[in-house]
Amino acid sequence: MNHTRIIRNEDVERVLIGIPKKHKHLRLYMKLKDDTALIFQEATIANILRAYLTIKTHPTIRAQELEMHVLDKTSRKQGFALHQLLETSRSQEEIEEELRVLL
C-alpha cells in the first residue's frame, strides 16, 4: 500500500548528520515529532542532493525523476554504491504534472 506523507519543517524534531564512528560514509538521521525516525545513507543523500542542485541552479531544468538502478562492477566508480538513483528520460512536463497530482 502506498502511503504518501509530506514532511514539513514543523514536523521535524531534530536531525543528526555525520559519519558515525567505525563507519566510512555519512548518515542522516531525522526524528519527527510523531516519533518516526528516518535514516538515510550517504548515497541516497548524494543522489537527491545532485538532483536538487541541478534544478535549483540550472536555467531551464525544472524537474527530474530519479529511479533505482543496480550498476554492475564495470559501470560504477570505485567506492560508489552498487544501487544508484539515476535520472530517467521522462519529460519535465510529465514530472511536474505527476507532482501536481500527488500534492
N, C-alpha and C. Protein backbone atom coordinates (compact mmCIF):
# COMPACT_ATOMS: atom_id res chain seq x y z
N MET A 1 0.85 -1.19 0.00
CA MET A 1 0.00 0.00 0.00
C MET A 1 0.89 1.24 0.00
N ASN A 2 0.56 2.18 -0.86
CA ASN A 2 1.31 3.42 -0.96
C ASN A 2 0.82 4.40 0.09
N HIS A 3 1.74 4.89 0.90
CA HIS A 3 1.39 5.85 1.93
C HIS A 3 2.22 7.11 1.69
N THR A 4 1.55 8.18 1.25
CA THR A 4 2.22 9.43 0.95
C THR A 4 2.11 10.36 2.15
N ARG A 5 3.23 10.98 2.48
CA ARG A 5 3.26 11.88 3.63
C ARG A 5 4.16 13.07 3.30
N ILE A 6 3.71 14.24 3.62
CA ILE A 6 4.51 15.44 3.44
C ILE A 6 5.20 15.74 4.76
N ILE A 7 6.51 15.92 4.72
CA ILE A 7 7.28 16.26 5.91
C ILE A 7 7.60 17.75 5.84
N ARG A 8 7.03 18.50 6.76
CA ARG A 8 7.26 19.94 6.82
C ARG A 8 8.32 20.23 7.88
N ASN A 9 8.91 21.41 7.84
CA ASN A 9 9.89 21.78 8.86
C ASN A 9 9.33 21.62 10.26
N GLU A 10 8.08 22.00 10.45
CA GLU A 10 7.48 21.93 11.78
C GLU A 10 7.21 20.50 12.25
N ASP A 11 7.33 19.52 11.34
CA ASP A 11 7.16 18.11 11.69
C ASP A 11 8.45 17.48 12.22
N VAL A 12 9.57 18.15 11.99
CA VAL A 12 10.88 17.59 12.34
C VAL A 12 11.27 18.04 13.75
N GLU A 13 11.61 17.06 14.57
CA GLU A 13 12.09 17.37 15.92
C GLU A 13 13.59 17.67 15.91
N ARG A 14 14.36 16.81 15.20
CA ARG A 14 15.79 17.05 15.09
C ARG A 14 16.40 16.23 13.98
N VAL A 15 17.59 16.66 13.55
CA VAL A 15 18.34 15.97 12.50
C VAL A 15 19.79 15.85 12.97
N LEU A 16 20.34 14.65 12.79
CA LEU A 16 21.77 14.43 13.01
C LEU A 16 22.37 14.05 11.67
N ILE A 17 23.53 14.62 11.34
CA ILE A 17 24.19 14.27 10.09
C ILE A 17 25.69 14.21 10.34
N GLY A 18 26.30 13.12 9.88
CA GLY A 18 27.73 12.96 10.06
C GLY A 18 28.15 11.53 9.74
N ILE A 19 29.42 11.26 9.98
CA ILE A 19 29.96 9.92 9.76
C ILE A 19 30.07 9.24 11.12
N PRO A 20 29.25 8.22 11.36
CA PRO A 20 29.31 7.53 12.66
C PRO A 20 30.69 6.89 12.88
N LYS A 21 31.09 6.81 14.12
CA LYS A 21 32.34 6.14 14.45
C LYS A 21 32.33 4.73 13.90
N LYS A 22 33.47 4.30 13.38
CA LYS A 22 33.68 2.97 12.79
C LYS A 22 32.94 2.79 11.46
N HIS A 23 32.49 3.89 10.86
CA HIS A 23 31.87 3.87 9.54
C HIS A 23 32.70 4.73 8.61
N LYS A 24 32.50 4.55 7.30
CA LYS A 24 33.21 5.35 6.30
C LYS A 24 32.31 6.40 5.65
N HIS A 25 31.01 6.17 5.72
CA HIS A 25 30.09 7.01 4.96
C HIS A 25 29.13 7.78 5.86
N LEU A 26 28.74 8.92 5.35
CA LEU A 26 27.83 9.82 6.04
C LEU A 26 26.45 9.20 6.22
N ARG A 27 25.80 9.53 7.30
CA ARG A 27 24.41 9.13 7.55
C ARG A 27 23.63 10.37 7.98
N LEU A 28 22.35 10.36 7.66
CA LEU A 28 21.45 11.42 8.12
C LEU A 28 20.33 10.75 8.89
N TYR A 29 20.15 11.18 10.14
CA TYR A 29 19.08 10.68 11.00
C TYR A 29 18.10 11.81 11.20
N MET A 30 16.83 11.56 10.93
CA MET A 30 15.79 12.57 11.10
C MET A 30 14.72 12.00 12.02
N LYS A 31 14.47 12.68 13.12
CA LYS A 31 13.41 12.27 14.04
C LYS A 31 12.26 13.26 13.91
N LEU A 32 11.08 12.71 13.64
CA LEU A 32 9.89 13.54 13.52
C LEU A 32 9.20 13.66 14.88
N LYS A 33 8.37 14.66 15.01
CA LYS A 33 7.68 14.89 16.29
C LYS A 33 6.74 13.76 16.67
N ASP A 34 6.30 12.96 15.69
CA ASP A 34 5.41 11.83 16.00
C ASP A 34 6.19 10.57 16.37
N ASP A 35 7.50 10.71 16.59
CA ASP A 35 8.40 9.64 16.98
C ASP A 35 8.86 8.76 15.82
N THR A 36 8.49 9.08 14.59
CA THR A 36 9.02 8.38 13.42
C THR A 36 10.48 8.77 13.26
N ALA A 37 11.32 7.80 12.94
CA ALA A 37 12.74 8.08 12.69
C ALA A 37 13.10 7.57 11.31
N LEU A 38 13.84 8.38 10.57
CA LEU A 38 14.30 8.03 9.23
C LEU A 38 15.82 8.11 9.22
N ILE A 39 16.47 7.13 8.63
CA ILE A 39 17.92 7.15 8.47
C ILE A 39 18.23 7.02 6.99
N PHE A 40 18.98 7.98 6.47
CA PHE A 40 19.36 7.99 5.07
C PHE A 40 20.85 7.68 4.94
N GLN A 41 21.20 6.82 3.99
CA GLN A 41 22.59 6.54 3.71
C GLN A 41 23.16 7.63 2.81
N GLU A 42 24.48 7.73 2.78
CA GLU A 42 25.15 8.78 2.02
C GLU A 42 24.77 8.77 0.55
N ALA A 43 24.71 7.59 -0.07
CA ALA A 43 24.38 7.52 -1.49
C ALA A 43 23.00 8.11 -1.77
N THR A 44 22.05 7.85 -0.91
CA THR A 44 20.70 8.40 -1.08
C THR A 44 20.72 9.92 -0.98
N ILE A 45 21.40 10.42 0.03
CA ILE A 45 21.50 11.87 0.21
C ILE A 45 22.18 12.51 -1.00
N ALA A 46 23.28 11.91 -1.45
CA ALA A 46 24.04 12.46 -2.58
C ALA A 46 23.21 12.50 -3.86
N ASN A 47 22.46 11.43 -4.12
CA ASN A 47 21.65 11.38 -5.34
C ASN A 47 20.54 12.43 -5.31
N ILE A 48 19.86 12.56 -4.19
CA ILE A 48 18.79 13.55 -4.06
C ILE A 48 19.38 14.96 -4.13
N LEU A 49 20.50 15.18 -3.46
CA LEU A 49 21.13 16.49 -3.47
C LEU A 49 21.59 16.88 -4.87
N ARG A 50 22.12 15.93 -5.63
CA ARG A 50 22.54 16.19 -7.01
C ARG A 50 21.35 16.70 -7.84
N ALA A 51 20.22 16.03 -7.73
CA ALA A 51 19.04 16.45 -8.49
C ALA A 51 18.53 17.81 -8.00
N TYR A 52 18.53 18.00 -6.69
CA TYR A 52 18.08 19.28 -6.10
C TYR A 52 18.93 20.43 -6.63
N LEU A 53 20.25 20.26 -6.57
CA LEU A 53 21.15 21.33 -7.02
C LEU A 53 21.00 21.60 -8.52
N THR A 54 20.78 20.55 -9.29
CA THR A 54 20.58 20.73 -10.73
C THR A 54 19.35 21.60 -10.98
N ILE A 55 18.26 21.28 -10.32
CA ILE A 55 17.01 22.03 -10.52
C ILE A 55 17.13 23.46 -10.02
N LYS A 56 17.78 23.65 -8.88
CA LYS A 56 17.91 24.99 -8.30
C LYS A 56 18.88 25.89 -9.07
N THR A 57 19.87 25.31 -9.75
CA THR A 57 20.90 26.13 -10.38
C THR A 57 20.86 26.16 -11.90
N HIS A 58 20.19 25.20 -12.52
CA HIS A 58 20.16 25.15 -13.98
C HIS A 58 19.12 26.14 -14.50
N PRO A 59 19.43 26.87 -15.56
CA PRO A 59 18.49 27.89 -16.04
C PRO A 59 17.20 27.35 -16.66
N THR A 60 17.19 26.09 -17.12
CA THR A 60 15.99 25.58 -17.77
C THR A 60 15.43 24.29 -17.18
N ILE A 61 16.20 23.55 -16.42
CA ILE A 61 15.70 22.29 -15.83
C ILE A 61 14.82 22.62 -14.63
N ARG A 62 13.57 22.15 -14.68
CA ARG A 62 12.60 22.46 -13.63
C ARG A 62 12.17 21.24 -12.83
N ALA A 63 12.46 20.04 -13.33
CA ALA A 63 12.02 18.82 -12.66
C ALA A 63 12.87 17.65 -13.13
N GLN A 64 13.07 16.69 -12.25
CA GLN A 64 13.77 15.47 -12.59
C GLN A 64 13.12 14.31 -11.85
N GLU A 65 13.23 13.14 -12.44
CA GLU A 65 12.80 11.92 -11.78
C GLU A 65 14.04 11.04 -11.62
N LEU A 66 14.22 10.51 -10.42
CA LEU A 66 15.31 9.57 -10.16
C LEU A 66 14.70 8.18 -9.99
N GLU A 67 15.37 7.18 -10.52
CA GLU A 67 14.88 5.81 -10.45
C GLU A 67 16.05 4.90 -10.07
N MET A 68 15.74 3.88 -9.28
CA MET A 68 16.77 2.96 -8.81
C MET A 68 17.35 2.14 -9.95
N HIS A 69 18.68 2.11 -10.01
CA HIS A 69 19.41 1.26 -10.95
C HIS A 69 20.47 0.51 -10.17
N VAL A 70 20.65 -0.75 -10.51
CA VAL A 70 21.72 -1.55 -9.92
C VAL A 70 22.84 -1.58 -10.95
N LEU A 71 23.97 -1.01 -10.58
CA LEU A 71 25.09 -0.91 -11.51
C LEU A 71 25.97 -2.16 -11.41
N ASP A 72 26.50 -2.58 -12.55
CA ASP A 72 27.46 -3.68 -12.48
C ASP A 72 28.83 -3.10 -12.14
N LYS A 73 29.74 -3.96 -11.79
CA LYS A 73 31.05 -3.51 -11.31
C LYS A 73 31.82 -2.70 -12.34
N THR A 74 31.58 -2.95 -13.62
CA THR A 74 32.32 -2.23 -14.65
C THR A 74 31.77 -0.83 -14.92
N SER A 75 30.51 -0.57 -14.56
CA SER A 75 29.93 0.74 -14.87
C SER A 75 29.87 1.68 -13.67
N ARG A 76 30.38 1.24 -12.53
CA ARG A 76 30.36 2.15 -11.37
C ARG A 76 31.77 2.53 -10.97
N LYS A 77 31.89 3.71 -10.40
CA LYS A 77 33.19 4.19 -9.95
C LYS A 77 33.57 3.48 -8.65
N GLN A 78 34.86 3.32 -8.45
CA GLN A 78 35.34 2.66 -7.24
C GLN A 78 34.87 3.44 -6.00
N GLY A 79 34.34 2.72 -5.03
CA GLY A 79 33.87 3.33 -3.80
C GLY A 79 32.43 3.81 -3.85
N PHE A 80 31.81 3.76 -5.02
CA PHE A 80 30.42 4.20 -5.16
C PHE A 80 29.48 3.04 -4.91
N ALA A 81 28.29 3.36 -4.46
CA ALA A 81 27.29 2.34 -4.14
C ALA A 81 26.84 1.59 -5.39
N LEU A 82 26.52 0.32 -5.19
CA LEU A 82 26.00 -0.53 -6.25
C LEU A 82 24.63 -0.04 -6.72
N HIS A 83 23.81 0.38 -5.77
CA HIS A 83 22.46 0.89 -6.07
C HIS A 83 22.53 2.41 -6.16
N GLN A 84 22.07 2.94 -7.30
CA GLN A 84 22.10 4.38 -7.53
C GLN A 84 20.75 4.87 -8.00
N LEU A 85 20.38 6.06 -7.55
CA LEU A 85 19.20 6.74 -8.07
C LEU A 85 19.66 7.59 -9.25
N LEU A 86 19.24 7.22 -10.44
CA LEU A 86 19.68 7.91 -11.65
C LEU A 86 18.50 8.58 -12.36
N GLU A 87 18.81 9.63 -13.10
CA GLU A 87 17.79 10.39 -13.81
C GLU A 87 17.15 9.51 -14.88
N THR A 88 15.84 9.68 -15.02
CA THR A 88 15.11 8.98 -16.08
C THR A 88 15.00 9.92 -17.28
N SER A 89 14.41 9.42 -18.34
CA SER A 89 14.24 10.22 -19.56
C SER A 89 12.86 10.89 -19.63
N ARG A 90 12.07 10.78 -18.57
CA ARG A 90 10.74 11.43 -18.60
C ARG A 90 10.88 12.93 -18.76
N SER A 91 9.91 13.52 -19.42
CA SER A 91 9.96 14.96 -19.66
C SER A 91 9.64 15.72 -18.37
N GLN A 92 10.15 16.93 -18.31
CA GLN A 92 9.89 17.79 -17.16
C GLN A 92 8.39 18.01 -16.98
N GLU A 93 7.69 18.16 -18.10
CA GLU A 93 6.25 18.41 -18.04
C GLU A 93 5.51 17.23 -17.40
N GLU A 94 5.89 16.01 -17.77
CA GLU A 94 5.26 14.82 -17.17
C GLU A 94 5.53 14.76 -15.67
N ILE A 95 6.75 15.06 -15.28
CA ILE A 95 7.13 15.01 -13.86
C ILE A 95 6.39 16.10 -13.09
N GLU A 96 6.34 17.29 -13.64
CA GLU A 96 5.63 18.39 -12.98
C GLU A 96 4.15 18.06 -12.81
N GLU A 97 3.54 17.45 -13.81
CA GLU A 97 2.12 17.09 -13.72
C GLU A 97 1.91 16.01 -12.67
N GLU A 98 2.78 15.02 -12.62
CA GLU A 98 2.65 13.99 -11.59
C GLU A 98 2.79 14.57 -10.19
N LEU A 99 3.74 15.48 -10.02
CA LEU A 99 3.90 16.15 -8.73
C LEU A 99 2.63 16.93 -8.36
N ARG A 100 2.04 17.62 -9.35
CA ARG A 100 0.81 18.38 -9.08
C ARG A 100 -0.29 17.45 -8.58
N VAL A 101 -0.44 16.30 -9.24
CA VAL A 101 -1.48 15.34 -8.86
C VAL A 101 -1.20 14.77 -7.46
N LEU A 102 0.04 14.43 -7.20
CA LEU A 102 0.40 13.85 -5.90
C LEU A 102 0.22 14.82 -4.74
N LEU A 103 0.49 16.10 -5.01
CA LEU A 103 0.41 17.08 -3.94
C LEU A 103 -0.97 17.69 -3.83
